[in-house]
C-alpha atoms as a PDB file:
ATOM      1  CA  MET A   1     -10.051  51.200 -41.331  1.00  0.00           C
ATOM      2  CA  ALA A   2      -8.775  49.964 -37.283  1.00  0.00           C
ATOM      3  CA  SER A   3     -11.040  50.932 -34.683  1.00  0.00           C
ATOM      4  CA  PRO A   4      -9.147  53.280 -32.049  1.00  0.00           C
ATOM      5  CA  ALA A   5      -9.037  50.737 -29.624  1.00  0.00           C
ATOM      6  CA  SER A   6      -7.453  48.507 -31.765  1.00  0.00           C
ATOM      7  CA  PRO A   7      -3.502  47.734 -31.254  1.00  0.00           C
ATOM      8  CA  PRO A   8      -1.692  48.744 -34.241  1.00  0.00           C
ATOM      9  CA  PRO A   9      -0.291  45.909 -36.220  1.00  0.00           C
ATOM     10  CA  PRO A  10       2.803  44.425 -35.530  1.00  0.00           C
ATOM     11  CA  GLY A  11       6.385  46.234 -37.295  1.00  0.00           C
ATOM     12  CA  THR A  12       4.587  49.971 -37.230  1.00  0.00           C
ATOM     13  CA  GLY A  13       5.713  51.238 -33.923  1.00  0.00           C
ATOM     14  CA  THR A  14       9.083  52.237 -32.820  1.00  0.00           C
ATOM     15  CA  VAL A  15      11.306  54.238 -30.990  1.00  0.00           C
ATOM     16  CA  ARG A  16      14.341  55.414 -31.386  1.00  0.00           C
ATOM     17  CA  LEU A  17      17.380  56.996 -29.690  1.00  0.00           C
ATOM     18  CA  THR A  18      16.882  59.883 -27.142  1.00  0.00           C
ATOM     19  CA  SER A  19      18.225  62.418 -28.455  1.00  0.00           C
ATOM     20  CA  TRP A  20      21.109  64.420 -27.644  1.00  0.00           C
ATOM     21  CA  ARG A  21      18.527  68.279 -28.874  1.00  0.00           C
ATOM     22  CA  VAL A  22      16.233  66.146 -25.769  1.00  0.00           C
ATOM     23  CA  LEU A  23      19.082  65.728 -23.099  1.00  0.00           C
ATOM     24  CA  ALA A  24      20.860  69.037 -23.724  1.00  0.00           C
ATOM     25  CA  GLY A  25      17.269  70.479 -23.289  1.00  0.00           C
ATOM     26  CA  GLY A  26      17.197  68.761 -20.336  1.00  0.00           C
ATOM     27  CA  PHE A  27      20.596  70.400 -19.221  1.00  0.00           C
ATOM     28  CA  VAL A  28      19.671  73.972 -20.427  1.00  0.00           C
ATOM     29  CA  ILE A  29      15.877  73.892 -18.690  1.00  0.00           C
ATOM     30  CA  SER A  30      17.142  72.267 -15.302  1.00  0.00           C
ATOM     31  CA  ALA A  31      20.662  74.752 -15.298  1.00  0.00           C
ATOM     32  CA  ALA A  32      18.132  77.691 -16.151  1.00  0.00           C
ATOM     33  CA  LEU A  33      16.514  76.763 -12.829  1.00  0.00           C
ATOM     34  CA  ALA A  34      19.414  76.804 -10.521  1.00  0.00           C
ATOM     35  CA  TRP A  35      20.767  79.906 -11.459  1.00  0.00           C
ATOM     36  CA  LEU A  36      16.665  81.059 -10.866  1.00  0.00           C
ATOM     37  CA  LEU A  37      16.925  79.388  -7.574  1.00  0.00           C
ATOM     38  CA  VAL A  38      20.261  80.424  -6.268  1.00  0.00           C
ATOM     39  CA  ARG A  39      19.421  83.836  -7.563  1.00  0.00           C
ATOM     40  CA  VAL A  40      15.456  83.980  -5.839  1.00  0.00           C
ATOM     41  CA  ALA A  41      17.419  82.879  -2.425  1.00  0.00           C
ATOM     42  CA  GLY A  42      20.197  85.487  -2.608  1.00  0.00           C
ATOM     43  CA  ALA A  43      16.905  87.932  -3.258  1.00  0.00           C
ATOM     44  CA  PHE A  44      14.705  87.192  -0.130  1.00  0.00           C
ATOM     45  CA  ASP A  45      18.503  85.942   2.436  1.00  0.00           C
ATOM     46  CA  VAL A  46      16.904  82.347   2.169  1.00  0.00           C
ATOM     47  CA  ILE A  47      20.102  80.332   2.389  1.00  0.00           C
ATOM     48  CA  PRO A  48      20.275  77.804  -0.800  1.00  0.00           C
ATOM     49  CA  PRO A  49      19.892  73.724   1.100  1.00  0.00           C
ATOM     50  CA  THR A  50      23.542  71.784   0.839  1.00  0.00           C
ATOM     51  CA  VAL A  51      23.955  69.290  -1.854  1.00  0.00           C
ATOM     52  CA  PRO A  52      24.757  66.106   0.124  1.00  0.00           C
ATOM     53  CA  TRP A  53      27.660  63.409   0.301  1.00  0.00           C
ATOM     54  CA  THR A  54      25.105  60.823  -0.870  1.00  0.00           C
ATOM     55  CA  THR A  55      22.754  62.973  -3.677  1.00  0.00           C
ATOM     56  CA  PRO A  56      26.844  61.661  -6.158  1.00  0.00           C
ATOM     57  CA  ALA A  57      27.189  58.316  -4.552  1.00  0.00           C
ATOM     58  CA  VAL A  58      23.450  57.430  -5.025  1.00  0.00           C
ATOM     59  CA  LEU A  59      24.262  58.049  -9.237  1.00  0.00           C
ATOM     60  CA  THR A  60      27.028  56.750  -8.922  1.00  0.00           C
ATOM     61  CA  LEU A  61      25.120  53.141  -8.080  1.00  0.00           C
ATOM     62  CA  LEU A  62      22.697  53.614 -10.239  1.00  0.00           C
ATOM     63  CA  LEU A  63      25.009  54.651 -12.819  1.00  0.00           C
ATOM     64  CA  ILE A  64      26.735  51.625 -11.651  1.00  0.00           C
ATOM     65  CA  PHE A  65      23.766  49.558 -12.129  1.00  0.00           C
ATOM     66  CA  VAL A  66      22.199  50.383 -15.440  1.00  0.00           C
ATOM     67  CA  ALA A  67      26.314  50.128 -16.907  1.00  0.00           C
ATOM     68  CA  VAL A  68      25.866  46.430 -15.539  1.00  0.00           C
ATOM     69  CA  THR A  69      22.238  45.982 -16.638  1.00  0.00           C
ATOM     70  CA  ALA A  70      22.954  47.801 -20.711  1.00  0.00           C
ATOM     71  CA  HIS A  71      26.483  44.798 -20.161  1.00  0.00           C
ATOM     72  CA  LEU A  72      23.799  41.891 -19.777  1.00  0.00           C
ATOM     73  CA  THR A  73      21.277  43.548 -21.565  1.00  0.00           C
ATOM     74  CA  HIS A  74      23.745  43.499 -25.120  1.00  0.00           C
ATOM     75  CA  ARG A  75      25.739  40.310 -24.450  1.00  0.00           C
ATOM     76  CA  ARG A  76      22.420  38.537 -24.188  1.00  0.00           C
ATOM     77  CA  ILE A  77      20.587  40.442 -27.026  1.00  0.00           C
ATOM     78  CA  HIS A  78      23.803  40.904 -29.019  1.00  0.00           C
ATOM     79  CA  ARG A  79      26.393  38.395 -28.764  1.00  0.00           C
ATOM     80  CA  ASP A  80      24.853  34.652 -27.683  1.00  0.00           C
ATOM     81  CA  ARG A  81      21.182  35.727 -30.162  1.00  0.00           C
ATOM     82  CA  ARG A  82      19.023  34.669 -26.992  1.00  0.00           C
ATOM     83  CA  ARG A  83      15.505  36.824 -27.454  1.00  0.00           C
ATOM     84  CA  ILE A  84      14.786  38.681 -24.523  1.00  0.00           C
ATOM     85  CA  GLU A  85      10.569  38.629 -23.358  1.00  0.00           C
ATOM     86  CA  PRO A  86       9.122  41.700 -25.302  1.00  0.00           C
ATOM     87  CA  SER A  87       8.017  43.544 -21.715  1.00  0.00           C
ATOM     88  CA  ARG A  88      11.696  43.450 -20.156  1.00  0.00           C
ATOM     89  CA  ALA A  89      12.791  44.700 -23.038  1.00  0.00           C
ATOM     90  CA  VAL A  90      10.202  47.946 -22.820  1.00  0.00           C
ATOM     91  CA  SER A  91      11.403  47.705 -19.686  1.00  0.00           C
ATOM     92  CA  LEU A  92      14.502  48.203 -20.127  1.00  0.00           C
ATOM     93  CA  LEU A  93      14.371  50.278 -22.227  1.00  0.00           C
ATOM     94  CA  VAL A  94      12.462  52.403 -20.523  1.00  0.00           C
ATOM     95  CA  LEU A  95      14.476  52.423 -17.936  1.00  0.00           C
ATOM     96  CA  GLY A  96      17.647  53.963 -20.364  1.00  0.00           C
ATOM     97  CA  LYS A  97      15.251  57.076 -21.611  1.00  0.00           C
ATOM     98  CA  ALA A  98      14.101  57.750 -18.040  1.00  0.00           C
ATOM     99  CA  THR A  99      18.176  57.788 -16.400  1.00  0.00           C
ATOM    100  CA  SER A 100      20.010  59.238 -19.625  1.00  0.00           C
ATOM    101  CA  ILE A 101      17.400  62.206 -19.961  1.00  0.00           C
ATOM    102  CA  ALA A 102      17.223  62.278 -15.583  1.00  0.00           C
ATOM    103  CA  GLY A 103      21.046  62.419 -16.195  1.00  0.00           C
ATOM    104  CA  ALA A 104      20.983  65.578 -17.991  1.00  0.00           C
ATOM    105  CA  VAL A 105      18.200  67.150 -15.762  1.00  0.00           C
ATOM    106  CA  ILE A 106      20.124  66.898 -12.517  1.00  0.00           C
ATOM    107  CA  GLY A 107      23.443  67.201 -14.196  1.00  0.00           C
ATOM    108  CA  GLY A 108      22.638  70.648 -15.512  1.00  0.00           C
ATOM    109  CA  PHE A 109      20.992  71.902 -12.438  1.00  0.00           C
ATOM    110  CA  SER A 110      23.947  70.139 -10.297  1.00  0.00           C
ATOM    111  CA  LEU A 111      26.617  72.298 -13.144  1.00  0.00           C
ATOM    112  CA  VAL A 112      25.262  75.426 -12.771  1.00  0.00           C
ATOM    113  CA  TYR A 113      24.593  75.010  -8.487  1.00  0.00           C
ATOM    114  CA  GLY A 114      28.033  74.281  -7.883  1.00  0.00           C
ATOM    115  CA  LEU A 115      29.476  77.011 -10.177  1.00  0.00           C
ATOM    116  CA  MET A 116      26.845  79.607  -8.670  1.00  0.00           C
ATOM    117  CA  PHE A 117      29.154  79.046  -5.407  1.00  0.00           C
ATOM    118  CA  LEU A 118      32.413  78.825  -7.124  1.00  0.00           C
ATOM    119  CA  ASN A 119      33.471  81.822  -5.365  1.00  0.00           C
ATOM    120  CA  ARG A 120      32.573  81.378  -1.947  1.00  0.00           C
ATOM    121  CA  PHE A 121      35.245  78.221  -2.178  1.00  0.00           C
ATOM    122  CA  ASP A 122      37.141  78.882   0.861  1.00  0.00           C
ATOM    123  CA  ALA A 123      33.948  78.584   3.041  1.00  0.00           C
ATOM    124  CA  ALA A 124      33.125  75.150   4.000  1.00  0.00           C
ATOM    125  CA  THR A 125      28.824  74.852   3.243  1.00  0.00           C
ATOM    126  CA  PRO A 126      29.988  76.020  -0.222  1.00  0.00           C
ATOM    127  CA  ARG A 127      32.923  73.912  -1.224  1.00  0.00           C
ATOM    128  CA  GLU A 128      30.813  71.279  -0.024  1.00  0.00           C
ATOM    129  CA  ARG A 129      27.895  72.694  -1.584  1.00  0.00           C
ATOM    130  CA  VAL A 130      30.690  72.603  -5.528  1.00  0.00           C
ATOM    131  CA  ILE A 131      32.562  69.767  -4.217  1.00  0.00           C
ATOM    132  CA  ASN A 132      29.619  67.454  -4.606  1.00  0.00           C
ATOM    133  CA  SER A 133      27.289  69.014  -6.895  1.00  0.00           C
ATOM    134  CA  LEU A 134      30.323  68.176  -9.600  1.00  0.00           C
ATOM    135  CA  ALA A 135      30.716  64.831  -8.555  1.00  0.00           C
ATOM    136  CA  SER A 136      27.002  64.847  -9.017  1.00  0.00           C
ATOM    137  CA  VAL A 137      28.131  66.123 -12.742  1.00  0.00           C
ATOM    138  CA  VAL A 138      30.623  63.633 -12.988  1.00  0.00           C
ATOM    139  CA  ALA A 139      28.115  60.798 -12.027  1.00  0.00           C
ATOM    140  CA  CYS A 140      25.382  62.782 -14.623  1.00  0.00           C
ATOM    141  CA  ILE A 141      27.687  62.488 -17.501  1.00  0.00           C
ATOM    142  CA  GLY A 142      28.189  58.384 -16.904  1.00  0.00           C
ATOM    143  CA  LEU A 143      24.103  58.291 -16.730  1.00  0.00           C
ATOM    144  CA  ILE A 144      23.855  60.120 -19.916  1.00  0.00           C
ATOM    145  CA  PHE A 145      26.159  57.315 -21.950  1.00  0.00           C
ATOM    146  CA  ALA A 146      24.822  54.820 -19.670  1.00  0.00           C
ATOM    147  CA  GLY A 147      21.219  55.795 -20.302  1.00  0.00           C
ATOM    148  CA  ARG A 148      21.842  55.765 -23.789  1.00  0.00           C
ATOM    149  CA  ALA A 149      24.002  52.718 -24.073  1.00  0.00           C
ATOM    150  CA  LEU A 150      21.186  50.683 -22.508  1.00  0.00           C
ATOM    151  CA  GLU A 151      19.002  51.626 -25.049  1.00  0.00           C
ATOM    152  CA  LYS A 152      21.409  50.630 -27.766  1.00  0.00           C
ATOM    153  CA  ALA A 153      21.610  47.190 -26.166  1.00  0.00           C
ATOM    154  CA  CYS A 154      18.120  46.408 -26.603  1.00  0.00           C
ATOM    155  CA  ARG A 155      17.722  46.825 -30.211  1.00  0.00           C
ATOM    156  CA  LEU A 156      16.826  44.140 -31.939  1.00  0.00           C
ATOM    157  CA  PRO A 157      20.457  42.739 -34.281  1.00  0.00           C
ATOM    158  CA  GLU A 158      18.147  43.363 -37.853  1.00  0.00           C
ATOM    159  CA  ASP A 159      17.280  46.747 -37.071  1.00  0.00           C
ATOM    160  CA  GLU A 160      21.320  47.976 -36.952  1.00  0.00           C
ATOM    161  CA  ASP A 161      21.726  47.502 -40.288  1.00  0.00           C
ATOM    162  CA  GLU A 162      19.076  50.323 -41.225  1.00  0.00           C
ATOM    163  CA  PRO A 163      20.140  53.294 -41.327  1.00  0.00           C
ATOM    164  CA  SER A 164      18.719  55.473 -38.569  1.00  0.00           C
ATOM    165  CA  PRO A 165      17.502  59.123 -39.520  1.00  0.00           C
ATOM    166  CA  ARG A 166      18.970  62.343 -38.299  1.00  0.00           C
END
């Protein structure tokens, strides 16, 4: 019997793709928090914060970075059949998981936050909230798919032959 401090035998650990259930859960919880934030702010006559234009811009830059990283990783592992260092593969896998989950959470919050001000679209500040929030949602959808693509790119070619449990 192995002691708790000893590492697991090689080949026993597996990391699965981030499930759509986890992403949907993050989306729904953050959407509920956005709704609650706007409602509580309205109840206390507090002006909700605006969404700066830098938010969708930074999310888009992150999307581009993760998508390019996913493409290069996939090309290296699957097309060129070159190996990468295990620590780098784990880092890329964590980056993929983190960006897909962050995309779901930020996207859910941004969608509901923007939609809450849609009925006041004719005023400048609510219009800015709606436009920047919905632009953030588009970038977040891209982040979800880019993160999942990076996760898939980190899979070894022999792992692809195994059926994935649902």
